Amino acid sequence: MNPPVRDRLLDAAIHIAGAEGHDKVTYRSVAALVGTSHSLVRFYFGTREALLTEAFERAARRDAAEATLRAAGVDEFGSNLVRLITEARDRQLLQYDFLLRAARGDGEMAPVALLYDHYIDQVASTLSALGIDDPGGVKAALVFAALDGLVLQHLVYGSVDRTEETLLRLREMLTLWQSAH
């Protein structure tokens, strides 16, 4: 069964933005990739910015659901992250592009902040499950900052082994925090 047209349009926008940049996301380019008319894209999203924002939100929701940042144990934490950032590169690039555009004032920062808060909340949930005390959420923010940087490093180096090794060291840090409590 095919996904709904709206989802296919969003996935096309994610792919184009990740592969070619957000400037290449147009009604026509999205419609061509899906095999429909550009008027249908306009019908569903109204504006190009609405299309990009919804594509960003879809990419972010999928990544948040798949990354395993909410885990019951240290070994499970981030267990899908390397696969995710390797196989869903377009989603990562769209999210960083969206963030950079917002930081430059060419977009809204609120959706990015909501996404970051969601990721940090997932990490905080894991820390809580591990019995790691984190008043104020500073440790969760630190762990997420490390993961965020790790995704960027993976985009730079493209080495699964390097990324896995770094993630392993992050898990070791969590184990140390866990044993300290």
N, C-alpha and C. Protein backbone atom coordinates (compact mmCIF):
# COMPACT_ATOMS: atom_id res chain seq x y z
N MET A 1 0.84 -1.19 0.00
CA MET A 1 0.00 0.00 0.00
C MET A 1 0.88 1.25 0.00
N ASN A 2 0.58 2.19 -0.87
CA ASN A 2 1.33 3.44 -0.96
C ASN A 2 0.98 4.36 0.19
N PRO A 3 1.97 5.12 0.68
CA PRO A 3 1.66 6.13 1.70
C PRO A 3 0.74 7.20 1.10
N PRO A 4 0.04 7.93 1.95
CA PRO A 4 -0.82 9.01 1.46
C PRO A 4 -0.01 10.01 0.62
N VAL A 5 -0.69 10.68 -0.30
CA VAL A 5 -0.04 11.63 -1.21
C VAL A 5 0.72 12.69 -0.42
N ARG A 6 0.12 13.21 0.62
CA ARG A 6 0.77 14.26 1.43
C ARG A 6 2.12 13.77 1.96
N ASP A 7 2.18 12.55 2.46
CA ASP A 7 3.43 12.00 2.98
C ASP A 7 4.46 11.82 1.87
N ARG A 8 4.00 11.38 0.71
CA ARG A 8 4.92 11.21 -0.43
C ARG A 8 5.48 12.56 -0.87
N LEU A 9 4.64 13.59 -0.84
CA LEU A 9 5.11 14.93 -1.19
C LEU A 9 6.15 15.42 -0.18
N LEU A 10 5.88 15.19 1.10
CA LEU A 10 6.84 15.60 2.13
C LEU A 10 8.15 14.82 2.00
N ASP A 11 8.06 13.53 1.75
CA ASP A 11 9.28 12.73 1.58
C ASP A 11 10.08 13.20 0.37
N ALA A 12 9.38 13.60 -0.68
CA ALA A 12 10.07 14.14 -1.86
C ALA A 12 10.78 15.45 -1.51
N ALA A 13 10.10 16.31 -0.76
CA ALA A 13 10.72 17.57 -0.35
C ALA A 13 11.94 17.31 0.53
N ILE A 14 11.85 16.34 1.43
CA ILE A 14 12.98 15.98 2.27
C ILE A 14 14.15 15.52 1.41
N HIS A 15 13.86 14.67 0.46
CA HIS A 15 14.92 14.15 -0.41
C HIS A 15 15.59 15.28 -1.21
N ILE A 16 14.79 16.13 -1.81
CA ILE A 16 15.34 17.22 -2.62
C ILE A 16 16.15 18.17 -1.74
N ALA A 17 15.60 18.56 -0.60
CA ALA A 17 16.31 19.48 0.29
C ALA A 17 17.63 18.88 0.76
N GLY A 18 17.61 17.59 1.10
CA GLY A 18 18.83 16.95 1.58
C GLY A 18 19.86 16.75 0.49
N ALA A 19 19.40 16.40 -0.70
CA ALA A 19 20.32 16.09 -1.80
C ALA A 19 20.82 17.34 -2.53
N GLU A 20 19.94 18.34 -2.64
CA GLU A 20 20.29 19.49 -3.47
C GLU A 20 20.23 20.83 -2.75
N GLY A 21 19.64 20.87 -1.56
CA GLY A 21 19.49 22.12 -0.83
C GLY A 21 18.06 22.62 -0.87
N HIS A 22 17.70 23.38 0.16
CA HIS A 22 16.31 23.82 0.28
C HIS A 22 15.87 24.73 -0.87
N ASP A 23 16.81 25.43 -1.52
CA ASP A 23 16.46 26.30 -2.64
C ASP A 23 15.91 25.52 -3.83
N LYS A 24 16.23 24.24 -3.90
CA LYS A 24 15.77 23.41 -5.02
C LYS A 24 14.39 22.80 -4.76
N VAL A 25 13.85 23.02 -3.57
CA VAL A 25 12.52 22.52 -3.25
C VAL A 25 11.50 23.51 -3.80
N THR A 26 10.86 23.11 -4.89
CA THR A 26 9.81 23.91 -5.50
C THR A 26 8.58 23.03 -5.68
N TYR A 27 7.46 23.66 -5.95
CA TYR A 27 6.26 22.88 -6.22
C TYR A 27 6.52 21.91 -7.38
N ARG A 28 7.17 22.41 -8.42
CA ARG A 28 7.42 21.60 -9.61
C ARG A 28 8.40 20.45 -9.34
N SER A 29 9.47 20.72 -8.57
CA SER A 29 10.45 19.65 -8.32
C SER A 29 9.85 18.55 -7.46
N VAL A 30 9.06 18.93 -6.47
CA VAL A 30 8.41 17.95 -5.60
C VAL A 30 7.39 17.15 -6.40
N ALA A 31 6.58 17.85 -7.20
CA ALA A 31 5.56 17.19 -8.01
C ALA A 31 6.19 16.21 -9.00
N ALA A 32 7.29 16.63 -9.62
CA ALA A 32 7.96 15.76 -10.60
C ALA A 32 8.47 14.49 -9.95
N LEU A 33 9.03 14.60 -8.76
CA LEU A 33 9.56 13.42 -8.08
C LEU A 33 8.45 12.44 -7.69
N VAL A 34 7.30 12.97 -7.35
CA VAL A 34 6.18 12.12 -6.94
C VAL A 34 5.36 11.67 -8.16
N GLY A 35 5.43 12.45 -9.23
CA GLY A 35 4.66 12.10 -10.42
C GLY A 35 3.26 12.65 -10.38
N THR A 36 3.13 13.88 -9.91
CA THR A 36 1.83 14.53 -9.82
C THR A 36 1.95 15.96 -10.33
N SER A 37 0.92 16.73 -10.22
CA SER A 37 0.95 18.12 -10.70
C SER A 37 1.43 19.06 -9.58
N HIS A 38 2.07 20.14 -10.00
CA HIS A 38 2.54 21.10 -9.01
C HIS A 38 1.38 21.80 -8.30
N SER A 39 0.22 21.87 -8.96
CA SER A 39 -0.94 22.48 -8.31
C SER A 39 -1.40 21.66 -7.10
N LEU A 40 -1.18 20.35 -7.15
CA LEU A 40 -1.53 19.51 -6.00
C LEU A 40 -0.63 19.82 -4.80
N VAL A 41 0.64 20.07 -5.07
CA VAL A 41 1.56 20.44 -3.99
C VAL A 41 1.11 21.75 -3.37
N ARG A 42 0.78 22.71 -4.21
CA ARG A 42 0.29 24.00 -3.71
C ARG A 42 -1.00 23.82 -2.91
N PHE A 43 -1.89 22.94 -3.39
CA PHE A 43 -3.15 22.67 -2.70
C PHE A 43 -2.89 22.17 -1.28
N TYR A 44 -1.96 21.22 -1.12
CA TYR A 44 -1.70 20.63 0.19
C TYR A 44 -0.98 21.57 1.14
N PHE A 45 -0.08 22.41 0.63
CA PHE A 45 0.79 23.17 1.54
C PHE A 45 0.63 24.68 1.45
N GLY A 46 0.03 25.18 0.40
CA GLY A 46 -0.21 26.61 0.29
C GLY A 46 1.04 27.39 -0.10
N THR A 47 2.04 27.37 0.76
CA THR A 47 3.27 28.11 0.48
C THR A 47 4.47 27.16 0.50
N ARG A 48 5.51 27.59 -0.15
CA ARG A 48 6.75 26.81 -0.17
C ARG A 48 7.31 26.71 1.25
N GLU A 49 7.22 27.79 2.02
CA GLU A 49 7.73 27.78 3.39
C GLU A 49 6.96 26.78 4.25
N ALA A 50 5.65 26.68 4.05
CA ALA A 50 4.85 25.70 4.79
C ALA A 50 5.28 24.29 4.41
N LEU A 51 5.54 24.07 3.13
CA LEU A 51 6.04 22.77 2.67
C LEU A 51 7.37 22.43 3.34
N LEU A 52 8.30 23.38 3.35
CA LEU A 52 9.61 23.14 3.97
C LEU A 52 9.48 22.91 5.48
N THR A 53 8.63 23.67 6.14
CA THR A 53 8.44 23.51 7.58
C THR A 53 7.85 22.14 7.90
N GLU A 54 6.85 21.73 7.14
CA GLU A 54 6.26 20.41 7.38
C GLU A 54 7.23 19.29 7.05
N ALA A 55 8.05 19.48 6.02
CA ALA A 55 9.07 18.48 5.67
C ALA A 55 10.08 18.38 6.81
N PHE A 56 10.51 19.52 7.34
CA PHE A 56 11.42 19.54 8.48
C PHE A 56 10.81 18.79 9.66
N GLU A 57 9.57 19.10 9.98
CA GLU A 57 8.90 18.46 11.12
C GLU A 57 8.75 16.96 10.91
N ARG A 58 8.44 16.54 9.68
CA ARG A 58 8.32 15.10 9.40
C ARG A 58 9.67 14.41 9.57
N ALA A 59 10.72 15.01 9.03
CA ALA A 59 12.06 14.43 9.16
C ALA A 59 12.45 14.34 10.63
N ALA A 60 12.19 15.38 11.37
CA ALA A 60 12.55 15.42 12.80
C ALA A 60 11.78 14.38 13.61
N ARG A 61 10.47 14.27 13.35
CA ARG A 61 9.66 13.28 14.08
C ARG A 61 10.15 11.86 13.80
N ARG A 62 10.46 11.59 12.55
CA ARG A 62 10.94 10.25 12.20
C ARG A 62 12.29 9.98 12.87
N ASP A 63 13.18 10.94 12.83
CA ASP A 63 14.49 10.74 13.45
C ASP A 63 14.35 10.56 14.96
N ALA A 64 13.52 11.37 15.58
CA ALA A 64 13.32 11.26 17.02
C ALA A 64 12.76 9.89 17.39
N ALA A 65 11.88 9.38 16.57
CA ALA A 65 11.28 8.07 16.85
C ALA A 65 12.27 6.93 16.62
N GLU A 66 13.19 7.10 15.69
CA GLU A 66 14.07 6.00 15.30
C GLU A 66 15.44 5.99 15.98
N ALA A 67 15.87 7.07 16.57
CA ALA A 67 17.25 7.19 17.07
C ALA A 67 17.52 6.42 18.36
N THR A 68 16.51 6.00 19.07
CA THR A 68 16.63 5.30 20.35
C THR A 68 17.36 6.16 21.39
N LEU A 69 16.91 7.41 21.50
CA LEU A 69 17.46 8.28 22.54
C LEU A 69 16.74 8.07 23.86
N ARG A 70 15.55 7.49 23.79
CA ARG A 70 14.81 7.08 24.99
C ARG A 70 15.03 5.59 25.12
N ALA A 71 15.80 5.22 26.13
CA ALA A 71 16.19 3.81 26.27
C ALA A 71 16.14 3.41 27.74
N ALA A 72 15.97 2.11 27.95
CA ALA A 72 15.92 1.57 29.31
C ALA A 72 17.32 1.23 29.83
N GLY A 73 18.27 1.06 28.92
CA GLY A 73 19.62 0.68 29.33
C GLY A 73 20.68 1.40 28.52
N VAL A 74 21.89 1.42 29.03
CA VAL A 74 23.00 2.11 28.38
C VAL A 74 23.28 1.51 27.00
N ASP A 75 23.31 0.18 26.90
CA ASP A 75 23.63 -0.46 25.62
C ASP A 75 22.60 -0.15 24.54
N GLU A 76 21.36 0.06 24.94
CA GLU A 76 20.29 0.36 23.99
C GLU A 76 20.33 1.82 23.53
N PHE A 77 20.90 2.70 24.36
CA PHE A 77 20.89 4.13 24.09
C PHE A 77 21.59 4.44 22.75
N GLY A 78 20.87 5.07 21.85
CA GLY A 78 21.42 5.45 20.55
C GLY A 78 21.73 4.28 19.64
N SER A 79 21.15 3.11 19.94
CA SER A 79 21.50 1.90 19.20
C SER A 79 21.16 1.99 17.71
N ASN A 80 20.23 2.84 17.34
CA ASN A 80 19.87 3.00 15.92
C ASN A 80 20.46 4.25 15.30
N LEU A 81 21.22 5.01 16.06
CA LEU A 81 21.69 6.31 15.60
C LEU A 81 22.58 6.21 14.36
N VAL A 82 23.56 5.33 14.38
CA VAL A 82 24.50 5.26 13.26
C VAL A 82 23.79 4.80 11.99
N ARG A 83 22.91 3.82 12.12
CA ARG A 83 22.13 3.38 10.96
C ARG A 83 21.29 4.53 10.44
N LEU A 84 20.66 5.23 11.35
CA LEU A 84 19.79 6.34 10.98
C LEU A 84 20.55 7.43 10.23
N ILE A 85 21.67 7.87 10.77
CA ILE A 85 22.38 8.97 10.13
C ILE A 85 23.09 8.53 8.85
N THR A 86 23.29 7.24 8.70
CA THR A 86 23.88 6.73 7.47
C THR A 86 22.82 6.56 6.38
N GLU A 87 21.69 5.98 6.76
CA GLU A 87 20.66 5.66 5.78
C GLU A 87 19.69 6.81 5.51
N ALA A 88 19.55 7.73 6.44
CA ALA A 88 18.59 8.83 6.29
C ALA A 88 19.32 10.16 6.25
N ARG A 89 20.38 10.20 5.49
CA ARG A 89 21.23 11.40 5.40
C ARG A 89 20.44 12.63 4.98
N ASP A 90 19.49 12.47 4.05
CA ASP A 90 18.69 13.60 3.59
C ASP A 90 17.94 14.26 4.75
N ARG A 91 17.43 13.45 5.66
CA ARG A 91 16.70 14.00 6.81
C ARG A 91 17.62 14.82 7.70
N GLN A 92 18.84 14.33 7.90
CA GLN A 92 19.79 15.06 8.73
C GLN A 92 20.13 16.40 8.09
N LEU A 93 20.42 16.36 6.80
CA LEU A 93 20.81 17.58 6.10
C LEU A 93 19.69 18.61 6.09
N LEU A 94 18.46 18.16 5.89
CA LEU A 94 17.33 19.08 5.93
C LEU A 94 17.23 19.74 7.30
N GLN A 95 17.38 18.97 8.37
CA GLN A 95 17.26 19.54 9.71
C GLN A 95 18.35 20.57 9.98
N TYR A 96 19.59 20.27 9.61
CA TYR A 96 20.67 21.24 9.82
C TYR A 96 20.50 22.45 8.93
N ASP A 97 20.06 22.24 7.71
CA ASP A 97 19.82 23.36 6.80
C ASP A 97 18.73 24.27 7.36
N PHE A 98 17.67 23.66 7.86
CA PHE A 98 16.57 24.42 8.45
C PHE A 98 17.08 25.23 9.65
N LEU A 99 17.89 24.61 10.49
CA LEU A 99 18.47 25.29 11.65
C LEU A 99 19.32 26.47 11.20
N LEU A 100 20.20 26.27 10.22
CA LEU A 100 21.08 27.33 9.76
C LEU A 100 20.29 28.48 9.14
N ARG A 101 19.26 28.16 8.37
CA ARG A 101 18.42 29.22 7.80
C ARG A 101 17.76 30.03 8.91
N ALA A 102 17.25 29.34 9.94
CA ALA A 102 16.60 30.05 11.05
C ALA A 102 17.62 30.91 11.80
N ALA A 103 18.82 30.39 12.00
CA ALA A 103 19.86 31.15 12.71
C ALA A 103 20.26 32.41 11.93
N ARG A 104 20.16 32.35 10.61
CA ARG A 104 20.47 33.51 9.77
C ARG A 104 19.29 34.48 9.68
N GLY A 105 18.16 34.13 10.26
CA GLY A 105 16.99 34.99 10.21
C GLY A 105 16.10 34.73 9.01
N ASP A 106 16.36 33.66 8.28
CA ASP A 106 15.57 33.33 7.08
C ASP A 106 14.63 32.16 7.38
N GLY A 107 13.99 32.20 8.51
CA GLY A 107 13.08 31.14 8.93
C GLY A 107 12.84 31.25 10.42
N GLU A 108 11.95 30.41 10.89
CA GLU A 108 11.58 30.44 12.31
C GLU A 108 12.46 29.51 13.13
N MET A 109 12.91 29.99 14.28
CA MET A 109 13.72 29.17 15.18
C MET A 109 12.82 28.29 16.07
N ALA A 110 11.57 28.68 16.27
CA ALA A 110 10.69 27.95 17.19
C ALA A 110 10.58 26.46 16.85
N PRO A 111 10.38 26.06 15.58
CA PRO A 111 10.31 24.61 15.31
C PRO A 111 11.62 23.89 15.63
N VAL A 112 12.74 24.55 15.43
CA VAL A 112 14.04 23.95 15.75
C VAL A 112 14.18 23.78 17.26
N ALA A 113 13.81 24.81 18.01
CA ALA A 113 13.88 24.73 19.48
C ALA A 113 12.96 23.63 20.00
N LEU A 114 11.78 23.49 19.43
CA LEU A 114 10.87 22.43 19.85
C LEU A 114 11.48 21.05 19.58
N LEU A 115 12.11 20.91 18.43
CA LEU A 115 12.77 19.65 18.10
C LEU A 115 13.89 19.36 19.10
N TYR A 116 14.74 20.34 19.36
CA TYR A 116 15.84 20.13 20.30
C TYR A 116 15.31 19.78 21.69
N ASP A 117 14.27 20.49 22.12
CA ASP A 117 13.66 20.17 23.41
C ASP A 117 13.16 18.73 23.44
N HIS A 118 12.58 18.28 22.35
CA HIS A 118 12.08 16.91 22.28
C HIS A 118 13.22 15.90 22.39
N TYR A 119 14.30 16.13 21.65
CA TYR A 119 15.46 15.25 21.72
C TYR A 119 16.05 15.23 23.14
N ILE A 120 16.19 16.41 23.73
CA ILE A 120 16.75 16.50 25.08
C ILE A 120 15.84 15.81 26.09
N ASP A 121 14.53 15.94 25.92
CA ASP A 121 13.59 15.24 26.80
C ASP A 121 13.75 13.72 26.69
N GLN A 122 13.99 13.23 25.47
CA GLN A 122 14.21 11.79 25.30
C GLN A 122 15.47 11.36 26.04
N VAL A 123 16.53 12.13 25.91
CA VAL A 123 17.77 11.81 26.62
C VAL A 123 17.53 11.87 28.13
N ALA A 124 16.81 12.88 28.59
CA ALA A 124 16.50 13.01 30.02
C ALA A 124 15.74 11.80 30.53
N SER A 125 14.84 11.29 29.73
CA SER A 125 14.09 10.10 30.10
C SER A 125 15.03 8.91 30.28
N THR A 126 16.01 8.77 29.40
CA THR A 126 16.99 7.70 29.53
C THR A 126 17.82 7.87 30.79
N LEU A 127 18.28 9.09 31.04
CA LEU A 127 19.07 9.33 32.25
C LEU A 127 18.28 8.97 33.50
N SER A 128 17.00 9.32 33.49
CA SER A 128 16.14 8.98 34.61
C SER A 128 16.02 7.46 34.77
N ALA A 129 15.81 6.77 33.65
CA ALA A 129 15.70 5.30 33.69
C ALA A 129 16.98 4.66 34.19
N LEU A 130 18.11 5.30 33.94
CA LEU A 130 19.40 4.79 34.39
C LEU A 130 19.72 5.17 35.83
N GLY A 131 18.85 5.99 36.43
CA GLY A 131 19.08 6.43 37.80
C GLY A 131 20.10 7.54 37.91
N ILE A 132 20.32 8.26 36.84
CA ILE A 132 21.28 9.37 36.83
C ILE A 132 20.55 10.65 37.20
N ASP A 133 20.97 11.25 38.29
CA ASP A 133 20.36 12.49 38.78
C ASP A 133 20.74 13.62 37.83
N ASP A 134 19.75 14.39 37.39
CA ASP A 134 20.01 15.47 36.45
C ASP A 134 19.07 16.65 36.69
N PRO A 135 19.21 17.29 37.86
CA PRO A 135 18.35 18.45 38.13
C PRO A 135 18.65 19.56 37.13
N GLY A 136 17.61 20.11 36.55
CA GLY A 136 17.78 21.18 35.57
C GLY A 136 18.07 20.70 34.16
N GLY A 137 18.29 19.40 33.99
CA GLY A 137 18.49 18.84 32.66
C GLY A 137 19.80 19.17 31.99
N VAL A 138 20.80 19.58 32.77
CA VAL A 138 22.09 19.97 32.19
C VAL A 138 22.82 18.77 31.57
N LYS A 139 22.77 17.64 32.24
CA LYS A 139 23.44 16.45 31.68
C LYS A 139 22.75 15.99 30.40
N ALA A 140 21.42 16.03 30.39
CA ALA A 140 20.69 15.64 29.18
C ALA A 140 21.05 16.57 28.03
N ALA A 141 21.14 17.86 28.30
CA ALA A 141 21.53 18.81 27.25
C ALA A 141 22.95 18.55 26.77
N LEU A 142 23.84 18.21 27.70
CA LEU A 142 25.23 17.90 27.34
C LEU A 142 25.30 16.64 26.46
N VAL A 143 24.58 15.60 26.85
CA VAL A 143 24.59 14.37 26.06
C VAL A 143 24.00 14.62 24.68
N PHE A 144 22.91 15.38 24.62
CA PHE A 144 22.35 15.67 23.30
C PHE A 144 23.31 16.51 22.47
N ALA A 145 23.99 17.47 23.08
CA ALA A 145 24.97 18.28 22.34
C ALA A 145 26.06 17.37 21.75
N ALA A 146 26.48 16.37 22.52
CA ALA A 146 27.48 15.42 22.01
C ALA A 146 26.91 14.63 20.83
N LEU A 147 25.67 14.19 20.94
CA LEU A 147 25.04 13.44 19.85
C LEU A 147 24.85 14.32 18.60
N ASP A 148 24.43 15.55 18.81
CA ASP A 148 24.24 16.49 17.72
C ASP A 148 25.57 16.70 16.98
N GLY A 149 26.63 16.90 17.75
CA GLY A 149 27.96 17.06 17.16
C GLY A 149 28.42 15.78 16.47
N LEU A 150 28.06 14.65 17.03
CA LEU A 150 28.43 13.37 16.43
C LEU A 150 27.78 13.20 15.06
N VAL A 151 26.54 13.62 14.94
CA VAL A 151 25.87 13.55 13.64
C VAL A 151 26.60 14.43 12.63
N LEU A 152 26.97 15.64 13.06
CA LEU A 152 27.73 16.52 12.16
C LEU A 152 29.07 15.91 11.79
N GLN A 153 29.76 15.33 12.75
CA GLN A 153 31.05 14.69 12.46
C GLN A 153 30.87 13.53 11.48
N HIS A 154 29.79 12.80 11.64
CA HIS A 154 29.54 11.69 10.72
C HIS A 154 29.35 12.22 9.29
N LEU A 155 28.68 13.36 9.16
CA LEU A 155 28.51 13.96 7.84
C LEU A 155 29.87 14.38 7.27
N VAL A 156 30.78 14.81 8.13
CA VAL A 156 32.12 15.23 7.69
C VAL A 156 32.98 14.03 7.32
N TYR A 157 33.08 13.06 8.22
CA TYR A 157 34.01 11.95 8.04
C TYR A 157 33.41 10.75 7.30
N GLY A 158 32.10 10.56 7.45
CA GLY A 158 31.44 9.46 6.77
C GLY A 158 31.90 8.08 7.21
N SER A 159 32.48 7.99 8.40
CA SER A 159 33.01 6.72 8.88
C SER A 159 32.10 6.11 9.93
N VAL A 160 31.47 5.00 9.57
CA VAL A 160 30.60 4.30 10.51
C VAL A 160 31.41 3.84 11.71
N ASP A 161 32.60 3.30 11.48
CA ASP A 161 33.44 2.81 12.59
C ASP A 161 33.78 3.92 13.56
N ARG A 162 34.16 5.08 13.04
CA ARG A 162 34.52 6.22 13.90
C ARG A 162 33.31 6.67 14.72
N THR A 163 32.15 6.74 14.06
CA THR A 163 30.94 7.18 14.74
C THR A 163 30.52 6.17 15.81
N GLU A 164 30.58 4.88 15.48
CA GLU A 164 30.25 3.83 16.46
C GLU A 164 31.19 3.90 17.66
N GLU A 165 32.48 4.09 17.41
CA GLU A 165 33.47 4.17 18.50
C GLU A 165 33.17 5.36 19.42
N THR A 166 32.84 6.49 18.82
CA THR A 166 32.52 7.68 19.61
C THR A 166 31.26 7.46 20.44
N LEU A 167 30.27 6.84 19.84
CA LEU A 167 29.03 6.55 20.55
C LEU A 167 29.29 5.57 21.70
N LEU A 168 30.17 4.63 21.48
CA LEU A 168 30.56 3.69 22.54
C LEU A 168 31.17 4.45 23.73
N ARG A 169 32.02 5.42 23.44
CA ARG A 169 32.64 6.22 24.51
C ARG A 169 31.59 7.05 25.26
N LEU A 170 30.60 7.54 24.54
CA LEU A 170 29.52 8.28 25.19
C LEU A 170 28.73 7.36 26.12
N ARG A 171 28.50 6.14 25.68
CA ARG A 171 27.81 5.17 26.55
C ARG A 171 28.66 4.86 27.79
N GLU A 172 29.97 4.79 27.63
CA GLU A 172 30.86 4.56 28.78
C GLU A 172 30.74 5.71 29.78
N MET A 173 30.62 6.93 29.28
CA MET A 173 30.44 8.09 30.16
C MET A 173 29.13 7.95 30.93
N LEU A 174 28.07 7.51 30.25
CA LEU A 174 26.79 7.30 30.92
C LEU A 174 26.91 6.24 32.01
N THR A 175 27.66 5.19 31.73
CA THR A 175 27.88 4.13 32.71
C THR A 175 28.61 4.68 33.93
N LEU A 176 29.58 5.54 33.72
CA LEU A 176 30.29 6.18 34.84
C LEU A 176 29.35 7.04 35.67
N TRP A 177 28.52 7.82 35.00
CA TRP A 177 27.54 8.63 35.72
C TRP A 177 26.57 7.75 36.50
N GLN A 178 26.19 6.63 35.89
CA GLN A 178 25.26 5.70 36.52
C GLN A 178 25.90 5.10 37.78
N SER A 179 27.14 4.70 37.70
CA SER A 179 27.80 4.07 38.85
C SER A 179 28.13 5.08 39.94
N ALA A 180 28.15 6.36 39.60
CA ALA A 180 28.43 7.41 40.59
C ALA A 180 27.21 7.69 41.48
N HIS A 181 26.06 7.19 41.07
CA HIS A 181 24.83 7.47 41.85
C HIS A 181 24.42 6.30 42.68
